[in-house]
Amino acid sequence: MADKPKPKPKPACLALTVTPKLVRVDGKPDAISVKVTAGKKPVRGIKVLVTAPGVYATGRTNANGTVVIKVNVQKAGVMTISVPR
């Protein structure tokens, strides 16, 4: 009798909560705080990427699902915060 194949776990949908919502182009460094959760549970060890004109920064979440990434924005534009797969 053959063993039944085990079902694959469903991939978790990750949610990002980012503060602050606005970063000024003033030549001063800003700290971007990102919390990553799956459902309502924080996720540890997730790589977070921040990109904007002249900005490329990454960090990994801690046990609380949070990472703080320091950026110094020099040009106005759209900032993207993502979890690369």
Protein backbone atom coordinates (compact mmCIF):
# COMPACT_ATOMS: atom_id res chain seq x y z
CA MET A 1 0.00 0.00 0.00
CA ALA A 2 1.47 3.33 -1.07
CA ASP A 3 1.67 6.31 1.24
CA LYS A 4 -0.61 9.17 0.40
CA PRO A 5 1.27 12.24 -0.78
CA LYS A 6 1.34 14.96 1.84
CA PRO A 7 -0.49 18.16 0.88
CA LYS A 8 1.78 21.10 0.19
CA PRO A 9 1.43 24.00 2.61
CA LYS A 10 -0.39 26.98 1.22
CA PRO A 11 1.86 29.97 0.56
CA ALA A 12 1.29 32.73 3.07
CA CYS A 13 0.19 36.14 1.90
CA LEU A 14 2.48 38.70 3.51
CA ALA A 15 1.27 42.13 4.60
CA LEU A 16 3.58 45.12 5.04
CA THR A 17 2.90 47.98 7.44
CA VAL A 18 5.18 50.96 6.75
CA THR A 19 5.87 54.12 8.77
CA PRO A 20 6.28 56.95 8.06
CA LYS A 21 3.97 57.35 5.08
CA LEU A 22 5.91 60.36 3.76
CA VAL A 23 9.68 60.93 3.48
CA ARG A 24 11.04 64.39 2.74
CA VAL A 25 13.81 65.13 0.24
CA ASP A 26 15.86 67.28 2.60
CA GLY A 27 19.28 65.60 2.57
CA LYS A 28 18.73 64.23 6.08
CA PRO A 29 18.58 60.46 6.75
CA ASP A 30 15.16 58.99 7.48
CA ALA A 31 14.32 55.70 9.21
CA ILE A 32 11.68 53.58 7.47
CA SER A 33 10.04 51.03 9.78
CA VAL A 34 8.45 48.00 8.08
CA LYS A 35 6.45 45.29 9.87
CA VAL A 36 5.86 42.05 7.95
CA THR A 37 2.98 39.77 8.97
CA ALA A 38 1.35 36.61 7.67
CA GLY A 39 -2.22 36.71 8.86
CA LYS A 40 -1.77 38.44 12.20
CA LYS A 41 1.55 36.77 13.04
CA PRO A 42 4.90 38.56 12.62
CA VAL A 43 7.35 36.90 10.22
CA ARG A 44 11.06 36.68 11.07
CA GLY A 45 13.97 36.71 8.59
CA ILE A 46 12.15 38.25 5.62
CA LYS A 47 14.23 40.45 3.30
CA VAL A 48 12.67 43.89 2.73
CA LEU A 49 13.75 46.08 -0.19
CA VAL A 50 13.40 49.87 -0.36
CA THR A 51 13.93 51.57 -3.73
CA ALA A 52 13.52 55.17 -4.86
CA PRO A 53 15.43 57.48 -7.21
CA GLY A 54 19.03 57.12 -5.96
CA VAL A 55 18.04 54.72 -3.14
CA TYR A 56 18.52 50.94 -2.89
CA ALA A 57 18.46 49.56 0.65
CA THR A 58 17.62 46.20 2.21
CA GLY A 59 17.16 44.72 5.66
CA ARG A 60 15.82 41.57 7.36
CA THR A 61 12.96 41.41 9.84
CA ASN A 62 13.61 40.52 13.48
CA ALA A 63 11.60 38.17 15.70
CA ASN A 64 8.83 40.80 15.93
CA GLY A 65 8.59 40.93 12.12
CA THR A 66 10.02 44.46 12.10
CA VAL A 67 12.98 46.01 10.28
CA VAL A 68 14.19 49.62 10.36
CA ILE A 69 15.97 50.74 7.19
CA LYS A 70 17.76 54.09 7.05
CA VAL A 71 17.60 55.96 3.76
CA ASN A 72 18.78 59.38 2.58
CA VAL A 73 16.54 60.44 -0.29
CA GLN A 74 18.21 62.93 -2.66
CA LYS A 75 15.60 63.14 -5.47
CA ALA A 76 11.82 63.41 -5.45
CA GLY A 77 9.94 60.40 -6.79
CA VAL A 78 8.08 57.25 -5.87
CA MET A 79 9.50 55.04 -3.12
CA THR A 80 8.73 51.33 -3.34
CA ILE A 81 8.90 48.98 -0.37
CA SER A 82 8.64 45.30 -1.23
CA VAL A 83 9.49 41.74 -0.27
CA PRO A 84 11.47 40.17 -3.14
CA ARG A 85 10.74 36.50 -3.79
